[in-house]
Amino acid sequence: MKVKEEDRANNEDDLIERLKAESKDAIDFFLKLGELMERGEVEVKLIVKRKKKP
């Protein structure tokens, strides 16, 4: 069964929202995300972009 890109994006959004709701603060959020990464349940890609000054 092929997973549609849109469905994958929705599942990722749902995961992020669930983690936000369960977390007390940003540190707790990233700790929970780290636990999921350690268990191999999620893969995290970090994109950092510097905003251009006007």
PDB file of N, CA and C in Angstrom:
ATOM      1  N   MET A   1       0.844  -1.186   0.000  1.00  0.00           N
ATOM      2  CA  MET A   1       0.000   0.000   0.000  1.00  0.00           C
ATOM      3  C   MET A   1       0.882   1.239   0.000  1.00  0.00           C
ATOM      4  N   LYS A   2       0.626   2.117  -0.931  1.00  0.00           N
ATOM      5  CA  LYS A   2       1.451   3.303  -1.085  1.00  0.00           C
ATOM      6  C   LYS A   2       0.863   4.440  -0.251  1.00  0.00           C
ATOM      7  N   VAL A   3       1.728   5.094   0.520  1.00  0.00           N
ATOM      8  CA  VAL A   3       1.277   6.207   1.353  1.00  0.00           C
ATOM      9  C   VAL A   3       1.390   7.490   0.548  1.00  0.00           C
ATOM     10  N   LYS A   4       0.301   8.219   0.477  1.00  0.00           N
ATOM     11  CA  LYS A   4       0.312   9.481  -0.255  1.00  0.00           C
ATOM     12  C   LYS A   4       1.119  10.505   0.534  1.00  0.00           C
ATOM     13  N   GLU A   5       1.772  11.397  -0.195  1.00  0.00           N
ATOM     14  CA  GLU A   5       2.588  12.447   0.440  1.00  0.00           C
ATOM     15  C   GLU A   5       1.735  13.313   1.356  1.00  0.00           C
ATOM     16  N   GLU A   6       0.498  13.604   0.951  1.00  0.00           N
ATOM     17  CA  GLU A   6      -0.404  14.423   1.756  1.00  0.00           C
ATOM     18  C   GLU A   6      -0.739  13.723   3.074  1.00  0.00           C
ATOM     19  N   ASP A   7      -1.002  12.408   3.012  1.00  0.00           N
ATOM     20  CA  ASP A   7      -1.300  11.641   4.221  1.00  0.00           C
ATOM     21  C   ASP A   7      -0.105  11.642   5.160  1.00  0.00           C
ATOM     22  N   ARG A   8       1.086  11.499   4.595  1.00  0.00           N
ATOM     23  CA  ARG A   8       2.305  11.503   5.405  1.00  0.00           C
ATOM     24  C   ARG A   8       2.452  12.853   6.107  1.00  0.00           C
ATOM     25  N   ALA A   9       2.195  13.941   5.398  1.00  0.00           N
ATOM     26  CA  ALA A   9       2.297  15.278   5.986  1.00  0.00           C
ATOM     27  C   ALA A   9       1.278  15.450   7.106  1.00  0.00           C
ATOM     28  N   ASN A  10       0.056  14.942   6.905  1.00  0.00           N
ATOM     29  CA  ASN A  10      -0.972  15.042   7.934  1.00  0.00           C
ATOM     30  C   ASN A  10      -0.578  14.258   9.176  1.00  0.00           C
ATOM     31  N   ASN A  11      -0.012  13.064   8.988  1.00  0.00           N
ATOM     32  CA  ASN A  11       0.419  12.254  10.119  1.00  0.00           C
ATOM     33  C   ASN A  11       1.544  12.941  10.885  1.00  0.00           C
ATOM     34  N   GLU A  12       2.456  13.580  10.161  1.00  0.00           N
ATOM     35  CA  GLU A  12       3.549  14.302  10.810  1.00  0.00           C
ATOM     36  C   GLU A  12       3.002  15.482  11.604  1.00  0.00           C
ATOM     37  N   ASP A  13       2.034  16.206  11.016  1.00  0.00           N
ATOM     38  CA  ASP A  13       1.422  17.330  11.716  1.00  0.00           C
ATOM     39  C   ASP A  13       0.710  16.849  12.977  1.00  0.00           C
ATOM     40  N   ASP A  14      -0.003  15.716  12.872  1.00  0.00           N
ATOM     41  CA  ASP A  14      -0.709  15.156  14.026  1.00  0.00           C
ATOM     42  C   ASP A  14       0.270  14.786  15.133  1.00  0.00           C
ATOM     43  N   LEU A  15       1.399  14.200  14.757  1.00  0.00           N
ATOM     44  CA  LEU A  15       2.419  13.824  15.732  1.00  0.00           C
ATOM     45  C   LEU A  15       2.955  15.061  16.448  1.00  0.00           C
ATOM     46  N   ILE A  16       3.265  16.092  15.690  1.00  0.00           N
ATOM     47  CA  ILE A  16       3.796  17.324  16.281  1.00  0.00           C
ATOM     48  C   ILE A  16       2.769  17.938  17.230  1.00  0.00           C
ATOM     49  N   GLU A  17       1.519  17.991  16.819  1.00  0.00           N
ATOM     50  CA  GLU A  17       0.474  18.570  17.667  1.00  0.00           C
ATOM     51  C   GLU A  17       0.288  17.748  18.944  1.00  0.00           C
ATOM     52  N   ARG A  18       0.341  16.429  18.819  1.00  0.00           N
ATOM     53  CA  ARG A  18       0.189  15.564  19.996  1.00  0.00           C
ATOM     54  C   ARG A  18       1.349  15.785  20.961  1.00  0.00           C
ATOM     55  N   LEU A  19       2.557  15.870  20.431  1.00  0.00           N
ATOM     56  CA  LEU A  19       3.725  16.107  21.284  1.00  0.00           C
ATOM     57  C   LEU A  19       3.626  17.471  21.967  1.00  0.00           C
ATOM     58  N   LYS A  20       3.174  18.475  21.235  1.00  0.00           N
ATOM     59  CA  LYS A  20       3.020  19.810  21.824  1.00  0.00           C
ATOM     60  C   LYS A  20       2.033  19.763  22.983  1.00  0.00           C
ATOM     61  N   ALA A  21       0.914  19.061  22.789  1.00  0.00           N
ATOM     62  CA  ALA A  21      -0.128  18.992  23.810  1.00  0.00           C
ATOM     63  C   ALA A  21       0.357  18.249  25.055  1.00  0.00           C
ATOM     64  N   GLU A  22       1.196  17.222  24.857  1.00  0.00           N
ATOM     65  CA  GLU A  22       1.661  16.413  25.977  1.00  0.00           C
ATOM     66  C   GLU A  22       2.855  17.020  26.699  1.00  0.00           C
ATOM     67  N   SER A  23       3.486  18.018  26.101  1.00  0.00           N
ATOM     68  CA  SER A  23       4.726  18.562  26.650  1.00  0.00           C
ATOM     69  C   SER A  23       4.464  19.774  27.539  1.00  0.00           C
ATOM     70  N   LYS A  24       5.256  19.858  28.616  1.00  0.00           N
ATOM     71  CA  LYS A  24       5.143  20.985  29.528  1.00  0.00           C
ATOM     72  C   LYS A  24       5.825  22.228  28.969  1.00  0.00           C
ATOM     73  N   ASP A  25       6.934  22.022  28.247  1.00  0.00           N
ATOM     74  CA  ASP A  25       7.694  23.133  27.683  1.00  0.00           C
ATOM     75  C   ASP A  25       8.503  22.628  26.492  1.00  0.00           C
ATOM     76  N   ALA A  26       9.305  23.487  25.906  1.00  0.00           N
ATOM     77  CA  ALA A  26      10.074  23.113  24.716  1.00  0.00           C
ATOM     78  C   ALA A  26      11.061  21.989  25.013  1.00  0.00           C
ATOM     79  N   ILE A  27      11.684  22.021  26.161  1.00  0.00           N
ATOM     80  CA  ILE A  27      12.661  20.986  26.515  1.00  0.00           C
ATOM     81  C   ILE A  27      11.980  19.622  26.591  1.00  0.00           C
ATOM     82  N   ASP A  28      10.825  19.575  27.227  1.00  0.00           N
ATOM     83  CA  ASP A  28      10.065  18.327  27.335  1.00  0.00           C
ATOM     84  C   ASP A  28       9.664  17.825  25.948  1.00  0.00           C
ATOM     85  N   PHE A  29       9.270  18.746  25.059  1.00  0.00           N
ATOM     86  CA  PHE A  29       8.903  18.401  23.680  1.00  0.00           C
ATOM     87  C   PHE A  29      10.055  17.686  22.980  1.00  0.00           C
ATOM     88  N   PHE A  30      11.251  18.271  23.080  1.00  0.00           N
ATOM     89  CA  PHE A  30      12.395  17.678  22.390  1.00  0.00           C
ATOM     90  C   PHE A  30      12.862  16.384  23.056  1.00  0.00           C
ATOM     91  N   LEU A  31      12.685  16.258  24.350  1.00  0.00           N
ATOM     92  CA  LEU A  31      13.002  14.999  25.015  1.00  0.00           C
ATOM     93  C   LEU A  31      12.079  13.886  24.529  1.00  0.00           C
ATOM     94  N   LYS A  32      10.791  14.185  24.417  1.00  0.00           N
ATOM     95  CA  LYS A  32       9.832  13.195  23.919  1.00  0.00           C
ATOM     96  C   LYS A  32      10.140  12.830  22.465  1.00  0.00           C
ATOM     97  N   LEU A  33      10.498  13.830  21.668  1.00  0.00           N
ATOM     98  CA  LEU A  33      10.850  13.582  20.276  1.00  0.00           C
ATOM     99  C   LEU A  33      12.105  12.715  20.200  1.00  0.00           C
ATOM    100  N   GLY A  34      13.064  12.980  21.066  1.00  0.00           N
ATOM    101  CA  GLY A  34      14.290  12.185  21.127  1.00  0.00           C
ATOM    102  C   GLY A  34      14.010  10.734  21.485  1.00  0.00           C
ATOM    103  N   GLU A  35      13.061  10.508  22.395  1.00  0.00           N
ATOM    104  CA  GLU A  35      12.697   9.136  22.757  1.00  0.00           C
ATOM    105  C   GLU A  35      12.124   8.392  21.555  1.00  0.00           C
ATOM    106  N   LEU A  36      11.289   9.075  20.773  1.00  0.00           N
ATOM    107  CA  LEU A  36      10.724   8.454  19.570  1.00  0.00           C
ATOM    108  C   LEU A  36      11.830   8.142  18.558  1.00  0.00           C
ATOM    109  N   MET A  37      12.816   9.022  18.456  1.00  0.00           N
ATOM    110  CA  MET A  37      13.937   8.802  17.539  1.00  0.00           C
ATOM    111  C   MET A  37      14.754   7.592  17.982  1.00  0.00           C
ATOM    112  N   GLU A  38      15.019   7.486  19.287  1.00  0.00           N
ATOM    113  CA  GLU A  38      15.799   6.360  19.804  1.00  0.00           C
ATOM    114  C   GLU A  38      15.119   5.028  19.532  1.00  0.00           C
ATOM    115  N   ARG A  39      13.796   5.018  19.612  1.00  0.00           N
ATOM    116  CA  ARG A  39      13.041   3.783  19.369  1.00  0.00           C
ATOM    117  C   ARG A  39      12.896   3.489  17.877  1.00  0.00           C
ATOM    118  N   GLY A  40      13.334   4.429  17.053  1.00  0.00           N
ATOM    119  CA  GLY A  40      13.244   4.240  15.606  1.00  0.00           C
ATOM    120  C   GLY A  40      11.864   4.501  15.043  1.00  0.00           C
ATOM    121  N   GLU A  41      11.011   5.179  15.807  1.00  0.00           N
ATOM    122  CA  GLU A  41       9.647   5.433  15.354  1.00  0.00           C
ATOM    123  C   GLU A  41       9.555   6.629  14.416  1.00  0.00           C
ATOM    124  N   VAL A  42      10.495   7.563  14.545  1.00  0.00           N
ATOM    125  CA  VAL A  42      10.500   8.747  13.685  1.00  0.00           C
ATOM    126  C   VAL A  42      11.921   9.056  13.251  1.00  0.00           C
ATOM    127  N   GLU A  43      12.021   9.751  12.141  1.00  0.00           N
ATOM    128  CA  GLU A  43      13.290  10.283  11.659  1.00  0.00           C
ATOM    129  C   GLU A  43      13.112  11.795  11.627  1.00  0.00           C
ATOM    130  N   VAL A  44      14.078  12.508  12.156  1.00  0.00           N
ATOM    131  CA  VAL A  44      13.962  13.958  12.239  1.00  0.00           C
ATOM    132  C   VAL A  44      15.016  14.594  11.352  1.00  0.00           C
ATOM    133  N   LYS A  45      14.573  15.542  10.538  1.00  0.00           N
ATOM    134  CA  LYS A  45      15.485  16.322   9.707  1.00  0.00           C
ATOM    135  C   LYS A  45      15.344  17.774  10.145  1.00  0.00           C
ATOM    136  N   LEU A  46      16.450  18.387  10.451  1.00  0.00           N
ATOM    137  CA  LEU A  46      16.442  19.765  10.926  1.00  0.00           C
ATOM    138  C   LEU A  46      16.860  20.686   9.795  1.00  0.00           C
ATOM    139  N   ILE A  47      16.038  21.661   9.520  1.00  0.00           N
ATOM    140  CA  ILE A  47      16.352  22.656   8.494  1.00  0.00           C
ATOM    141  C   ILE A  47      16.452  24.005   9.191  1.00  0.00           C
ATOM    142  N   VAL A  48      17.604  24.618   9.051  1.00  0.00           N
ATOM    143  CA  VAL A  48      17.825  25.925   9.656  1.00  0.00           C
ATOM    144  C   VAL A  48      18.036  26.927   8.544  1.00  0.00           C
ATOM    145  N   LYS A  49      17.242  27.982   8.551  1.00  0.00           N
ATOM    146  CA  LYS A  49      17.374  29.034   7.549  1.00  0.00           C
ATOM    147  C   LYS A  49      17.526  30.366   8.269  1.00  0.00           C
ATOM    148  N   ARG A  50      18.490  31.112   7.839  1.00  0.00           N
ATOM    149  CA  ARG A  50      18.691  32.452   8.400  1.00  0.00           C
ATOM    150  C   ARG A  50      17.791  33.421   7.649  1.00  0.00           C
ATOM    151  N   LYS A  51      17.054  34.221   8.387  1.00  0.00           N
ATOM    152  CA  LYS A  51      16.187  35.213   7.754  1.00  0.00           C
ATOM    153  C   LYS A  51      17.028  36.385   7.282  1.00  0.00           C
ATOM    154  N   LYS A  52      16.682  36.877   6.115  1.00  0.00           N
ATOM    155  CA  LYS A  52      17.395  38.035   5.569  1.00  0.00           C
ATOM    156  C   LYS A  52      16.856  39.293   6.222  1.00  0.00           C
ATOM    157  N   LYS A  53      17.760  40.201   6.524  1.00  0.00           N
ATOM    158  CA  LYS A  53      17.340  41.476   7.111  1.00  0.00           C
ATOM    159  C   LYS A  53      16.760  42.357   6.012  1.00  0.00           C
ATOM    160  N   PRO A  54      15.693  43.064   6.335  1.00  0.00           N
ATOM    161  CA  PRO A  54      15.052  43.924   5.313  1.00  0.00           C
ATOM    162  C   PRO A  54      15.923  45.102   4.924  1.00  0.00           C
TER     163      PRO A  54
END
